[in-house]
């Protein structure tokens, strides 16, 4: 189970950085965990940017 968490964490880290590792994503055993982590990282970046956009565009 630790390997699955490591693959997820690696994917999330890469997602936050905006770089995808095709080798890890294509791994037949842990690729799914990596890809899910990657998507979660990208979603987090999207939410952070949306939050900043709301602050900057706030009409107050």
Protein backbone atom coordinates (compact mmCIF):
# COMPACT_ATOMS: atom_id res chain seq x y z
CA UNK A 1 0.00 0.00 0.00
CA UNK A 2 2.90 2.38 0.61
CA UNK A 3 3.87 2.20 -3.06
CA UNK A 4 0.40 3.31 -4.10
CA UNK A 5 0.63 6.32 -1.78
CA UNK A 6 4.10 7.17 -3.12
CA UNK A 7 2.84 7.00 -6.69
CA UNK A 8 -0.15 9.21 -5.80
CA UNK A 9 2.09 11.71 -4.00
CA UNK A 10 4.50 11.82 -6.94
CA UNK A 11 1.58 12.47 -9.28
CA UNK A 12 0.16 15.18 -7.05
CA UNK A 13 3.55 16.88 -6.80
CA UNK A 14 3.99 16.74 -10.57
CA UNK A 15 0.44 18.06 -11.00
CA UNK A 16 1.22 21.04 -8.77
CA UNK A 17 4.34 21.70 -10.83
CA UNK A 18 2.49 21.24 -14.11
CA UNK A 19 4.76 18.50 -15.45
CA UNK A 20 3.58 14.98 -16.18
CA UNK A 21 5.90 11.99 -16.10
CA UNK A 22 4.76 9.74 -18.95
CA UNK A 23 6.81 6.80 -17.65
CA UNK A 24 5.17 6.85 -14.22
CA UNK A 25 1.73 7.52 -15.72
CA UNK A 26 2.15 4.48 -17.98
CA UNK A 27 3.29 2.14 -15.21
CA UNK A 28 0.96 -0.89 -15.36
CA UNK A 29 0.92 -1.32 -11.57
CA UNK A 30 1.03 2.20 -10.11
CA UNK A 31 0.18 4.36 -13.12
CA UNK A 32 -3.44 4.75 -12.07
CA UNK A 33 -2.43 6.07 -8.64
CA UNK A 34 0.02 8.47 -10.25
CA UNK A 35 -2.59 9.77 -12.71
CA UNK A 36 -5.17 10.32 -9.96
CA UNK A 37 -2.59 12.23 -7.91
CA UNK A 38 -1.66 14.28 -10.97
CA UNK A 39 -5.29 15.27 -11.57
CA UNK A 40 -5.73 16.16 -7.89
CA UNK A 41 -2.65 18.39 -8.10
CA UNK A 42 -3.96 20.13 -11.21
CA UNK A 43 -7.35 20.68 -9.55
CA UNK A 44 -5.62 22.26 -6.57
CA UNK A 45 -3.71 24.63 -8.86
CA UNK A 46 -6.98 25.55 -10.61
CA UNK A 47 -8.66 26.31 -7.28
CA UNK A 48 -5.71 28.42 -6.10
CA UNK A 49 -5.76 30.44 -9.31
CA UNK A 50 -9.52 30.88 -9.10
CA UNK A 51 -9.14 32.16 -5.54
CA UNK A 52 -6.47 34.64 -6.55
CA UNK A 53 -8.61 35.76 -9.49
CA UNK A 54 -11.56 36.40 -7.14
CA UNK A 55 -9.36 38.47 -4.83
CA UNK A 56 -7.86 40.51 -7.66
CA UNK A 57 -11.17 41.09 -9.44
CA UNK A 58 -13.11 41.89 -6.25
CA UNK A 59 -14.92 45.20 -6.92
CA UNK A 60 -14.67 46.39 -3.31
